[in-house]
Amino acid sequence: QVQLVESGGGLVQAGGSLRLSCAASDRTFSSYAMGWFRQAPGKEREFVGAISWSGGSKYYADSVKGRFTISRDNAKNMVFLRMNSLKPEDTAVYYCHAMSGSWGQGTQVTVSS
């Protein structure tokens, strides 16, 4: 299975921005749709967004639509999540997911009010 490593999380004030990155271990990455999920303390993991293998189709949870943008660079085996207008309720561990089944280890995003 492809291995995934997220980066780019951190502490940001409400209204700020972050860009998360997910690096895949091999070129099979370009064959898979990719997704971002998040899990806040005491809550279940939830869908954030997804992108088709070509990047031509993108899907977002209603809670992030218009604020988050998912993109990918298949030449670099990378997928990204640009997060703008962050809110305290966006605080969570963010996970990269390959639709083949692989998950990354997660990166913490904390938004202060």
C-alpha atoms as a PDB file:
ATOM      1  CA  GLN A   1       0.000   0.000   0.000  1.00  0.00           C
ATOM      2  CA  VAL A   2       1.115   3.536  -0.677  1.00  0.00           C
ATOM      3  CA  GLN A   3       2.462   5.304   2.418  1.00  0.00           C
ATOM      4  CA  LEU A   4       1.303   8.831   3.189  1.00  0.00           C
ATOM      5  CA  VAL A   5       2.948  11.543   5.304  1.00  0.00           C
ATOM      6  CA  GLU A   6       1.164  14.768   6.183  1.00  0.00           C
ATOM      7  CA  SER A   7       2.793  18.070   7.097  1.00  0.00           C
ATOM      8  CA  GLY A   8       1.927  21.722   7.454  1.00  0.00           C
ATOM      9  CA  GLY A   9      -0.233  21.716  10.549  1.00  0.00           C
ATOM     10  CA  GLY A  10       0.221  24.181  13.364  1.00  0.00           C
ATOM     11  CA  LEU A  11      -1.314  26.878  15.508  1.00  0.00           C
ATOM     12  CA  VAL A  12      -3.087  29.751  13.775  1.00  0.00           C
ATOM     13  CA  GLN A  13      -5.469  32.506  14.828  1.00  0.00           C
ATOM     14  CA  ALA A  14      -9.070  32.515  13.696  1.00  0.00           C
ATOM     15  CA  GLY A  15      -9.316  33.980  10.224  1.00  0.00           C
ATOM     16  CA  GLY A  16      -5.864  32.757   9.286  1.00  0.00           C
ATOM     17  CA  SER A  17      -4.707  30.248   6.703  1.00  0.00           C
ATOM     18  CA  LEU A  18      -2.688  27.051   6.524  1.00  0.00           C
ATOM     19  CA  ARG A  19      -1.708  24.702   3.733  1.00  0.00           C
ATOM     20  CA  LEU A  20      -1.454  21.021   4.515  1.00  0.00           C
ATOM     21  CA  SER A  21       0.639  18.733   2.365  1.00  0.00           C
ATOM     22  CA  CYS A  22       0.521  14.977   1.942  1.00  0.00           C
ATOM     23  CA  ALA A  23       3.436  13.159   0.367  1.00  0.00           C
ATOM     24  CA  ALA A  24       2.893   9.713  -1.113  1.00  0.00           C
ATOM     25  CA  SER A  25       5.611   7.073  -1.263  1.00  0.00           C
ATOM     26  CA  ASP A  26       5.236   5.945  -4.850  1.00  0.00           C
ATOM     27  CA  ARG A  27       3.761   6.689  -8.234  1.00  0.00           C
ATOM     28  CA  THR A  28       0.715   4.468  -7.709  1.00  0.00           C
ATOM     29  CA  PHE A  29      -0.593   7.545  -5.901  1.00  0.00           C
ATOM     30  CA  SER A  30      -1.585   9.065  -9.238  1.00  0.00           C
ATOM     31  CA  SER A  31      -4.072   6.223  -9.794  1.00  0.00           C
ATOM     32  CA  TYR A  32      -6.106   6.974  -6.679  1.00  0.00           C
ATOM     33  CA  ALA A  33      -8.673   9.477  -5.655  1.00  0.00           C
ATOM     34  CA  MET A  34      -7.440  11.176  -2.486  1.00  0.00           C
ATOM     35  CA  GLY A  35      -9.224  12.603   0.491  1.00  0.00           C
ATOM     36  CA  TRP A  36      -8.711  14.686   3.590  1.00  0.00           C
ATOM     37  CA  PHE A  37     -10.444  13.830   6.832  1.00  0.00           C
ATOM     38  CA  ARG A  38     -10.251  15.317  10.313  1.00  0.00           C
ATOM     39  CA  GLN A  39     -10.890  14.222  13.858  1.00  0.00           C
ATOM     40  CA  ALA A  40     -11.501  16.593  16.742  1.00  0.00           C
ATOM     41  CA  PRO A  41     -11.103  15.469  20.366  1.00  0.00           C
ATOM     42  CA  GLY A  42     -14.045  13.342  21.444  1.00  0.00           C
ATOM     43  CA  LYS A  43     -15.528  13.260  17.965  1.00  0.00           C
ATOM     44  CA  GLU A  44     -15.559  10.804  15.106  1.00  0.00           C
ATOM     45  CA  ARG A  45     -13.358  11.219  12.078  1.00  0.00           C
ATOM     46  CA  GLU A  46     -15.173  13.239   9.419  1.00  0.00           C
ATOM     47  CA  PHE A  47     -14.815  13.867   5.721  1.00  0.00           C
ATOM     48  CA  VAL A  48     -13.327  17.208   4.692  1.00  0.00           C
ATOM     49  CA  GLY A  49     -12.705  16.957   0.979  1.00  0.00           C
ATOM     50  CA  ALA A  50     -11.713  14.677  -1.868  1.00  0.00           C
ATOM     51  CA  ILE A  51     -10.161  14.941  -5.293  1.00  0.00           C
ATOM     52  CA  SER A  52     -10.285  12.552  -8.233  1.00  0.00           C
ATOM     53  CA  TRP A  53      -7.131  10.923  -9.598  1.00  0.00           C
ATOM     54  CA  SER A  54      -6.865  13.508 -12.360  1.00  0.00           C
ATOM     55  CA  GLY A  55      -7.763  16.466 -10.172  1.00  0.00           C
ATOM     56  CA  GLY A  56     -10.747  17.208 -12.383  1.00  0.00           C
ATOM     57  CA  SER A  57     -13.377  16.541  -9.731  1.00  0.00           C
ATOM     58  CA  LYS A  58     -13.392  17.879  -6.191  1.00  0.00           C
ATOM     59  CA  TYR A  59     -15.806  17.420  -3.344  1.00  0.00           C
ATOM     60  CA  TYR A  60     -16.107  19.225  -0.013  1.00  0.00           C
ATOM     61  CA  ALA A  61     -17.979  18.940   3.226  1.00  0.00           C
ATOM     62  CA  ASP A  62     -20.536  21.704   3.635  1.00  0.00           C
ATOM     63  CA  SER A  63     -18.673  22.953   6.696  1.00  0.00           C
ATOM     64  CA  VAL A  64     -15.560  23.842   4.677  1.00  0.00           C
ATOM     65  CA  LYS A  65     -17.001  24.652   1.263  1.00  0.00           C
ATOM     66  CA  GLY A  66     -15.774  28.016   0.032  1.00  0.00           C
ATOM     67  CA  ARG A  67     -12.944  28.129   2.579  1.00  0.00           C
ATOM     68  CA  PHE A  68     -10.870  25.005   1.830  1.00  0.00           C
ATOM     69  CA  THR A  69      -9.366  23.967  -1.496  1.00  0.00           C
ATOM     70  CA  ILE A  70      -7.945  20.554  -2.299  1.00  0.00           C
ATOM     71  CA  SER A  71      -5.393  20.104  -5.069  1.00  0.00           C
ATOM     72  CA  ARG A  72      -2.815  17.571  -6.203  1.00  0.00           C
ATOM     73  CA  ASP A  73       0.444  17.356  -8.121  1.00  0.00           C
ATOM     74  CA  ASN A  74       0.758  13.851  -9.532  1.00  0.00           C
ATOM     75  CA  ALA A  75       4.242  14.544 -10.864  1.00  0.00           C
ATOM     76  CA  LYS A  76       5.405  15.133  -7.279  1.00  0.00           C
ATOM     77  CA  ASN A  77       3.163  12.531  -5.608  1.00  0.00           C
ATOM     78  CA  MET A  78       1.595  15.245  -3.465  1.00  0.00           C
ATOM     79  CA  VAL A  79      -1.879  16.322  -2.425  1.00  0.00           C
ATOM     80  CA  PHE A  80      -2.643  19.608  -0.681  1.00  0.00           C
ATOM     81  CA  LEU A  81      -5.353  21.187   1.412  1.00  0.00           C
ATOM     82  CA  ARG A  82      -5.425  24.953   1.438  1.00  0.00           C
ATOM     83  CA  MET A  83      -7.432  26.211   4.407  1.00  0.00           C
ATOM     84  CA  ASN A  84      -8.552  29.847   4.543  1.00  0.00           C
ATOM     85  CA  SER A  85     -10.742  31.749   6.988  1.00  0.00           C
ATOM     86  CA  LEU A  86     -10.022  29.193   9.667  1.00  0.00           C
ATOM     87  CA  LYS A  87     -12.383  28.890  12.617  1.00  0.00           C
ATOM     88  CA  PRO A  88     -11.825  27.433  16.089  1.00  0.00           C
ATOM     89  CA  GLU A  89     -14.158  24.587  15.128  1.00  0.00           C
ATOM     90  CA  ASP A  90     -11.663  23.567  12.433  1.00  0.00           C
ATOM     91  CA  THR A  91      -9.310  22.454  15.204  1.00  0.00           C
ATOM     92  CA  ALA A  92      -8.566  18.757  14.684  1.00  0.00           C
ATOM     93  CA  VAL A  93      -6.023  16.241  13.549  1.00  0.00           C
ATOM     94  CA  TYR A  94      -6.115  16.195   9.762  1.00  0.00           C
ATOM     95  CA  TYR A  95      -5.517  12.953   7.894  1.00  0.00           C
ATOM     96  CA  CYS A  96      -4.666  12.262   4.301  1.00  0.00           C
ATOM     97  CA  HIS A  97      -6.378   9.212   2.808  1.00  0.00           C
ATOM     98  CA  ALA A  98      -5.844   7.300  -0.387  1.00  0.00           C
ATOM     99  CA  MET A  99      -8.980   5.608  -1.679  1.00  0.00           C
ATOM    100  CA  SER A 100      -6.922   2.443  -1.956  1.00  0.00           C
ATOM    101  CA  GLY A 101      -7.106   2.301   1.842  1.00  0.00           C
ATOM    102  CA  SER A 102      -3.961   3.998   3.129  1.00  0.00           C
ATOM    103  CA  TRP A 103      -4.002   6.656   5.841  1.00  0.00           C
ATOM    104  CA  GLY A 104      -1.336   9.080   6.956  1.00  0.00           C
ATOM    105  CA  GLN A 105      -0.386   9.590  10.569  1.00  0.00           C
ATOM    106  CA  GLY A 106      -2.145  12.945  10.813  1.00  0.00           C
ATOM    107  CA  THR A 107      -1.109  16.541  11.429  1.00  0.00           C
ATOM    108  CA  GLN A 108      -2.528  18.746  14.172  1.00  0.00           C
ATOM    109  CA  VAL A 109      -4.307  21.971  13.277  1.00  0.00           C
ATOM    110  CA  THR A 110      -5.222  24.280  16.135  1.00  0.00           C
ATOM    111  CA  VAL A 111      -7.187  27.474  15.555  1.00  0.00           C
ATOM    112  CA  SER A 112      -7.277  29.950  18.427  1.00  0.00           C
ATOM    113  CA  SER A 113     -10.111  32.404  18.907  1.00  0.00           C
END
